[in-house]
Amino acid sequence: YADVSQNRRPSLFFSGAGVFKSLIQRCWAQDPKDRPTFKNLVNELQESQYLKGVDQNEFNQYVNYILS
């Protein structure tokens, strides 16, 4: 809580961080208006740059589960 309230965020030095870095940073934006909606997240994550190595069927099942 203290880190978030002081606008501290973790470093993004993990495998594959490049593709997700911008998305993650938008999700933790200080101003809630700057954060993507869940629907926007799902739409963006369905783009091919995020789906390399991901089972598309499993992803869609999970999205349907979350949205139901």
PDB file of N, CA and C in Angstrom:
ATOM      1  N   TYR A   1       0.828  -1.189   0.000  1.00  0.00           N
ATOM      2  CA  TYR A   1       0.000   0.000   0.000  1.00  0.00           C
ATOM      3  C   TYR A   1       0.870   1.250   0.000  1.00  0.00           C
ATOM      4  N   ALA A   2       1.901   1.277   0.822  1.00  0.00           N
ATOM      5  CA  ALA A   2       2.757   2.466   0.906  1.00  0.00           C
ATOM      6  C   ALA A   2       3.415   2.767  -0.434  1.00  0.00           C
ATOM      7  N   ASP A   3       3.878   1.742  -1.117  1.00  0.00           N
ATOM      8  CA  ASP A   3       4.514   1.955  -2.416  1.00  0.00           C
ATOM      9  C   ASP A   3       3.534   2.544  -3.423  1.00  0.00           C
ATOM     10  N   VAL A   4       2.343   2.005  -3.476  1.00  0.00           N
ATOM     11  CA  VAL A   4       1.351   2.495  -4.429  1.00  0.00           C
ATOM     12  C   VAL A   4       0.941   3.919  -4.081  1.00  0.00           C
ATOM     13  N   SER A   5       0.708   4.202  -2.807  1.00  0.00           N
ATOM     14  CA  SER A   5       0.279   5.544  -2.414  1.00  0.00           C
ATOM     15  C   SER A   5       1.362   6.587  -2.671  1.00  0.00           C
ATOM     16  N   GLN A   6       2.614   6.135  -2.751  1.00  0.00           N
ATOM     17  CA  GLN A   6       3.717   7.054  -3.053  1.00  0.00           C
ATOM     18  C   GLN A   6       4.125   6.966  -4.523  1.00  0.00           C
ATOM     19  N   ASN A   7       3.261   6.354  -5.335  1.00  0.00           N
ATOM     20  CA  ASN A   7       3.449   6.237  -6.782  1.00  0.00           C
ATOM     21  C   ASN A   7       4.706   5.464  -7.164  1.00  0.00           C
ATOM     22  N   ARG A   8       5.103   4.497  -6.345  1.00  0.00           N
ATOM     23  CA  ARG A   8       6.231   3.623  -6.701  1.00  0.00           C
ATOM     24  C   ARG A   8       5.692   2.423  -7.440  1.00  0.00           C
ATOM     25  N   ARG A   9       6.404   2.010  -8.459  1.00  0.00           N
ATOM     26  CA  ARG A   9       6.013   0.847  -9.237  1.00  0.00           C
ATOM     27  C   ARG A   9       7.226  -0.059  -9.406  1.00  0.00           C
ATOM     28  N   PRO A  10       7.011  -1.367  -9.518  1.00  0.00           N
ATOM     29  CA  PRO A  10       8.150  -2.281  -9.671  1.00  0.00           C
ATOM     30  C   PRO A  10       8.808  -2.137 -11.033  1.00  0.00           C
ATOM     31  N   SER A  11      10.063  -2.534 -11.099  1.00  0.00           N
ATOM     32  CA  SER A  11      10.770  -2.573 -12.374  1.00  0.00           C
ATOM     33  C   SER A  11      10.193  -3.708 -13.208  1.00  0.00           C
ATOM     34  N   LEU A  12      10.215  -3.531 -14.504  1.00  0.00           N
ATOM     35  CA  LEU A  12       9.671  -4.556 -15.398  1.00  0.00           C
ATOM     36  C   LEU A  12      10.797  -5.217 -16.165  1.00  0.00           C
ATOM     37  N   PHE A  13      11.609  -5.970 -15.448  1.00  0.00           N
ATOM     38  CA  PHE A  13      12.738  -6.664 -16.053  1.00  0.00           C
ATOM     39  C   PHE A  13      12.497  -8.163 -16.008  1.00  0.00           C
ATOM     40  N   PHE A  14      11.539  -8.626 -16.793  1.00  0.00           N
ATOM     41  CA  PHE A  14      11.279 -10.057 -16.880  1.00  0.00           C
ATOM     42  C   PHE A  14      11.172 -10.433 -18.347  1.00  0.00           C
ATOM     43  N   SER A  15      11.280 -11.682 -18.615  1.00  0.00           N
ATOM     44  CA  SER A  15      11.215 -12.162 -19.985  1.00  0.00           C
ATOM     45  C   SER A  15       9.883 -11.759 -20.606  1.00  0.00           C
ATOM     46  N   GLY A  16       9.926 -11.145 -21.750  1.00  0.00           N
ATOM     47  CA  GLY A  16       8.711 -10.717 -22.433  1.00  0.00           C
ATOM     48  C   GLY A  16       8.169  -9.391 -21.968  1.00  0.00           C
ATOM     49  N   ALA A  17       8.874  -8.707 -21.098  1.00  0.00           N
ATOM     50  CA  ALA A  17       8.382  -7.442 -20.546  1.00  0.00           C
ATOM     51  C   ALA A  17       8.160  -6.386 -21.622  1.00  0.00           C
ATOM     52  N   GLY A  18       8.967  -6.436 -22.688  1.00  0.00           N
ATOM     53  CA  GLY A  18       8.848  -5.415 -23.718  1.00  0.00           C
ATOM     54  C   GLY A  18       7.457  -5.318 -24.295  1.00  0.00           C
ATOM     55  N   VAL A  19       6.839  -6.426 -24.590  1.00  0.00           N
ATOM     56  CA  VAL A  19       5.510  -6.441 -25.190  1.00  0.00           C
ATOM     57  C   VAL A  19       4.461  -5.957 -24.186  1.00  0.00           C
ATOM     58  N   PHE A  20       4.618  -6.319 -22.938  1.00  0.00           N
ATOM     59  CA  PHE A  20       3.618  -6.016 -21.931  1.00  0.00           C
ATOM     60  C   PHE A  20       3.874  -4.731 -21.155  1.00  0.00           C
ATOM     61  N   LYS A  21       5.060  -4.167 -21.257  1.00  0.00           N
ATOM     62  CA  LYS A  21       5.453  -3.039 -20.420  1.00  0.00           C
ATOM     63  C   LYS A  21       4.471  -1.865 -20.509  1.00  0.00           C
ATOM     64  N   SER A  22       4.159  -1.429 -21.700  1.00  0.00           N
ATOM     65  CA  SER A  22       3.247  -0.297 -21.862  1.00  0.00           C
ATOM     66  C   SER A  22       1.868  -0.619 -21.305  1.00  0.00           C
ATOM     67  N   LEU A  23       1.398  -1.824 -21.573  1.00  0.00           N
ATOM     68  CA  LEU A  23       0.087  -2.239 -21.085  1.00  0.00           C
ATOM     69  C   LEU A  23       0.048  -2.237 -19.554  1.00  0.00           C
ATOM     70  N   ILE A  24       1.063  -2.808 -18.941  1.00  0.00           N
ATOM     71  CA  ILE A  24       1.134  -2.855 -17.474  1.00  0.00           C
ATOM     72  C   ILE A  24       1.189  -1.449 -16.896  1.00  0.00           C
ATOM     73  N   GLN A  25       1.993  -0.601 -17.496  1.00  0.00           N
ATOM     74  CA  GLN A  25       2.120   0.769 -16.987  1.00  0.00           C
ATOM     75  C   GLN A  25       0.803   1.538 -17.099  1.00  0.00           C
ATOM     76  N   ARG A  26       0.054   1.311 -18.158  1.00  0.00           N
ATOM     77  CA  ARG A  26      -1.250   1.971 -18.274  1.00  0.00           C
ATOM     78  C   ARG A  26      -2.218   1.444 -17.221  1.00  0.00           C
ATOM     79  N   CYS A  27      -2.120   0.171 -16.875  1.00  0.00           N
ATOM     80  CA  CYS A  27      -3.011  -0.414 -15.867  1.00  0.00           C
ATOM     81  C   CYS A  27      -2.775   0.170 -14.481  1.00  0.00           C
ATOM     82  N   TRP A  28      -1.579   0.573 -14.186  1.00  0.00           N
ATOM     83  CA  TRP A  28      -1.302   1.113 -12.852  1.00  0.00           C
ATOM     84  C   TRP A  28      -1.155   2.636 -12.869  1.00  0.00           C
ATOM     85  N   ALA A  29      -1.700   3.281 -13.885  1.00  0.00           N
ATOM     86  CA  ALA A  29      -1.658   4.742 -13.965  1.00  0.00           C
ATOM     87  C   ALA A  29      -2.243   5.350 -12.696  1.00  0.00           C
ATOM     88  N   GLN A  30      -1.635   6.415 -12.234  1.00  0.00           N
ATOM     89  CA  GLN A  30      -2.084   7.078 -11.018  1.00  0.00           C
ATOM     90  C   GLN A  30      -3.533   7.558 -11.165  1.00  0.00           C
ATOM     91  N   ASP A  31      -3.860   8.132 -12.307  1.00  0.00           N
ATOM     92  CA  ASP A  31      -5.207   8.630 -12.557  1.00  0.00           C
ATOM     93  C   ASP A  31      -6.056   7.494 -13.131  1.00  0.00           C
ATOM     94  N   PRO A  32      -7.114   7.088 -12.437  1.00  0.00           N
ATOM     95  CA  PRO A  32      -7.951   5.988 -12.925  1.00  0.00           C
ATOM     96  C   PRO A  32      -8.502   6.215 -14.338  1.00  0.00           C
ATOM     97  N   LYS A  33      -8.680   7.446 -14.732  1.00  0.00           N
ATOM     98  CA  LYS A  33      -9.191   7.744 -16.076  1.00  0.00           C
ATOM     99  C   LYS A  33      -8.203   7.327 -17.162  1.00  0.00           C
ATOM    100  N   ASP A  34      -6.934   7.210 -16.799  1.00  0.00           N
ATOM    101  CA  ASP A  34      -5.901   6.820 -17.762  1.00  0.00           C
ATOM    102  C   ASP A  34      -5.738   5.306 -17.868  1.00  0.00           C
ATOM    103  N   ARG A  35      -6.422   4.566 -17.013  1.00  0.00           N
ATOM    104  CA  ARG A  35      -6.321   3.104 -17.021  1.00  0.00           C
ATOM    105  C   ARG A  35      -7.294   2.523 -18.036  1.00  0.00           C
ATOM    106  N   PRO A  36      -6.888   1.465 -18.737  1.00  0.00           N
ATOM    107  CA  PRO A  36      -7.802   0.837 -19.699  1.00  0.00           C
ATOM    108  C   PRO A  36      -8.920   0.084 -18.977  1.00  0.00           C
ATOM    109  N   THR A  37     -10.061  -0.004 -19.637  1.00  0.00           N
ATOM    110  CA  THR A  37     -11.149  -0.819 -19.088  1.00  0.00           C
ATOM    111  C   THR A  37     -10.808  -2.284 -19.305  1.00  0.00           C
ATOM    112  N   PHE A  38     -11.524  -3.168 -18.620  1.00  0.00           N
ATOM    113  CA  PHE A  38     -11.278  -4.595 -18.813  1.00  0.00           C
ATOM    114  C   PHE A  38     -11.548  -4.979 -20.259  1.00  0.00           C
ATOM    115  N   LYS A  39     -12.607  -4.427 -20.828  1.00  0.00           N
ATOM    116  CA  LYS A  39     -12.931  -4.723 -22.227  1.00  0.00           C
ATOM    117  C   LYS A  39     -11.789  -4.291 -23.147  1.00  0.00           C
ATOM    118  N   ASN A  40     -11.215  -3.113 -22.905  1.00  0.00           N
ATOM    119  CA  ASN A  40     -10.075  -2.662 -23.703  1.00  0.00           C
ATOM    120  C   ASN A  40      -8.877  -3.586 -23.530  1.00  0.00           C
ATOM    121  N   LEU A  41      -8.663  -4.055 -22.297  1.00  0.00           N
ATOM    122  CA  LEU A  41      -7.557  -4.982 -22.045  1.00  0.00           C
ATOM    123  C   LEU A  41      -7.733  -6.268 -22.839  1.00  0.00           C
ATOM    124  N   VAL A  42      -8.926  -6.823 -22.800  1.00  0.00           N
ATOM    125  CA  VAL A  42      -9.191  -8.068 -23.523  1.00  0.00           C
ATOM    126  C   VAL A  42      -8.964  -7.859 -25.012  1.00  0.00           C
ATOM    127  N   ASN A  43      -9.506  -6.783 -25.551  1.00  0.00           N
ATOM    128  CA  ASN A  43      -9.332  -6.510 -26.981  1.00  0.00           C
ATOM    129  C   ASN A  43      -7.859  -6.373 -27.343  1.00  0.00           C
ATOM    130  N   GLU A  44      -7.117  -5.659 -26.522  1.00  0.00           N
ATOM    131  CA  GLU A  44      -5.697  -5.471 -26.809  1.00  0.00           C
ATOM    132  C   GLU A  44      -4.916  -6.774 -26.676  1.00  0.00           C
ATOM    133  N   LEU A  45      -5.241  -7.566 -25.670  1.00  0.00           N
ATOM    134  CA  LEU A  45      -4.530  -8.822 -25.461  1.00  0.00           C
ATOM    135  C   LEU A  45      -4.809  -9.843 -26.550  1.00  0.00           C
ATOM    136  N   GLN A  46      -5.878  -9.660 -27.286  1.00  0.00           N
ATOM    137  CA  GLN A  46      -6.190 -10.568 -28.380  1.00  0.00           C
ATOM    138  C   GLN A  46      -5.371 -10.262 -29.632  1.00  0.00           C
ATOM    139  N   GLU A  47      -4.623  -9.169 -29.622  1.00  0.00           N
ATOM    140  CA  GLU A  47      -3.761  -8.840 -30.755  1.00  0.00           C
ATOM    141  C   GLU A  47      -2.598  -9.828 -30.805  1.00  0.00           C
ATOM    142  N   SER A  48      -2.136 -10.090 -31.996  1.00  0.00           N
ATOM    143  CA  SER A  48      -1.124 -11.126 -32.202  1.00  0.00           C
ATOM    144  C   SER A  48       0.167 -10.897 -31.425  1.00  0.00           C
ATOM    145  N   GLN A  49       0.560  -9.669 -31.175  1.00  0.00           N
ATOM    146  CA  GLN A  49       1.813  -9.427 -30.459  1.00  0.00           C
ATOM    147  C   GLN A  49       1.807 -10.005 -29.047  1.00  0.00           C
ATOM    148  N   TYR A  50       0.644 -10.150 -28.457  1.00  0.00           N
ATOM    149  CA  TYR A  50       0.534 -10.696 -27.110  1.00  0.00           C
ATOM    150  C   TYR A  50       0.292 -12.199 -27.095  1.00  0.00           C
ATOM    151  N   LEU A  51      -0.114 -12.751 -28.218  1.00  0.00           N
ATOM    152  CA  LEU A  51      -0.554 -14.137 -28.246  1.00  0.00           C
ATOM    153  C   LEU A  51       0.495 -15.143 -28.696  1.00  0.00           C
ATOM    154  N   LYS A  52       1.709 -14.701 -28.907  1.00  0.00           N
ATOM    155  CA  LYS A  52       2.754 -15.639 -29.309  1.00  0.00           C
ATOM    156  C   LYS A  52       2.943 -16.673 -28.208  1.00  0.00           C
ATOM    157  N   GLY A  53       2.741 -17.940 -28.556  1.00  0.00           N
ATOM    158  CA  GLY A  53       2.918 -19.022 -27.594  1.00  0.00           C
ATOM    159  C   GLY A  53       1.738 -19.246 -26.667  1.00  0.00           C
ATOM    160  N   VAL A  54       0.628 -18.540 -26.899  1.00  0.00           N
ATOM    161  CA  VAL A  54      -0.551 -18.681 -26.050  1.00  0.00           C
ATOM    162  C   VAL A  54      -1.589 -19.535 -26.768  1.00  0.00           C
ATOM    163  N   ASP A  55      -2.195 -20.446 -26.051  1.00  0.00           N
ATOM    164  CA  ASP A  55      -3.263 -21.268 -26.598  1.00  0.00           C
ATOM    165  C   ASP A  55      -4.509 -20.382 -26.747  1.00  0.00           C
ATOM    166  N   GLN A  56      -4.859 -20.062 -27.982  1.00  0.00           N
ATOM    167  CA  GLN A  56      -5.966 -19.139 -28.266  1.00  0.00           C
ATOM    168  C   GLN A  56      -7.283 -19.647 -27.689  1.00  0.00           C
ATOM    169  N   ASN A  57      -7.528 -20.933 -27.785  1.00  0.00           N
ATOM    170  CA  ASN A  57      -8.758 -21.506 -27.246  1.00  0.00           C
ATOM    171  C   ASN A  57      -8.823 -21.343 -25.728  1.00  0.00           C
ATOM    172  N   GLU A  58      -7.733 -21.637 -25.065  1.00  0.00           N
ATOM    173  CA  GLU A  58      -7.677 -21.492 -23.606  1.00  0.00           C
ATOM    174  C   GLU A  58      -7.880 -20.030 -23.205  1.00  0.00           C
ATOM    175  N   PHE A  59      -7.249 -19.111 -23.939  1.00  0.00           N
ATOM    176  CA  PHE A  59      -7.397 -17.679 -23.673  1.00  0.00           C
ATOM    177  C   PHE A  59      -8.870 -17.278 -23.795  1.00  0.00           C
ATOM    178  N   ASN A  60      -9.518 -17.681 -24.882  1.00  0.00           N
ATOM    179  CA  ASN A  60     -10.919 -17.319 -25.103  1.00  0.00           C
ATOM    180  C   ASN A  60     -11.833 -17.910 -24.038  1.00  0.00           C
ATOM    181  N   GLN A  61     -11.552 -19.142 -23.611  1.00  0.00           N
ATOM    182  CA  GLN A  61     -12.346 -19.746 -22.546  1.00  0.00           C
ATOM    183  C   GLN A  61     -12.209 -18.946 -21.253  1.00  0.00           C
ATOM    184  N   TYR A  62     -11.009 -18.515 -20.961  1.00  0.00           N
ATOM    185  CA  TYR A  62     -10.781 -17.732 -19.742  1.00  0.00           C
ATOM    186  C   TYR A  62     -11.512 -16.391 -19.816  1.00  0.00           C
ATOM    187  N   VAL A  63     -11.418 -15.729 -20.966  1.00  0.00           N
ATOM    188  CA  VAL A  63     -12.108 -14.444 -21.137  1.00  0.00           C
ATOM    189  C   VAL A  63     -13.611 -14.640 -20.959  1.00  0.00           C
ATOM    190  N   ASN A  64     -14.167 -15.673 -21.565  1.00  0.00           N
ATOM    191  CA  ASN A  64     -15.602 -15.934 -21.428  1.00  0.00           C
ATOM    192  C   ASN A  64     -15.975 -16.203 -19.983  1.00  0.00           C
ATOM    193  N   TYR A  65     -15.114 -16.912 -19.257  1.00  0.00           N
ATOM    194  CA  TYR A  65     -15.345 -17.186 -17.848  1.00  0.00           C
ATOM    195  C   TYR A  65     -15.363 -15.880 -17.044  1.00  0.00           C
ATOM    196  N   ILE A  66     -14.400 -15.014 -17.289  1.00  0.00           N
ATOM    197  CA  ILE A  66     -14.299 -13.743 -16.568  1.00  0.00           C
ATOM    198  C   ILE A  66     -15.511 -12.853 -16.867  1.00  0.00           C
ATOM    199  N   LEU A  67     -15.930 -12.834 -18.116  1.00  0.00           N
ATOM    200  CA  LEU A  67     -17.018 -11.945 -18.522  1.00  0.00           C
ATOM    201  C   LEU A  67     -18.408 -12.465 -18.163  1.00  0.00           C
ATOM    202  N   SER A  68     -18.489 -13.736 -17.743  1.00  0.00           N
ATOM    203  CA  SER A  68     -19.822 -14.286 -17.424  1.00  0.00           C
ATOM    204  C   SER A  68     -20.229 -14.013 -16.006  1.00  0.00           C
TER     205      SER A  68
END
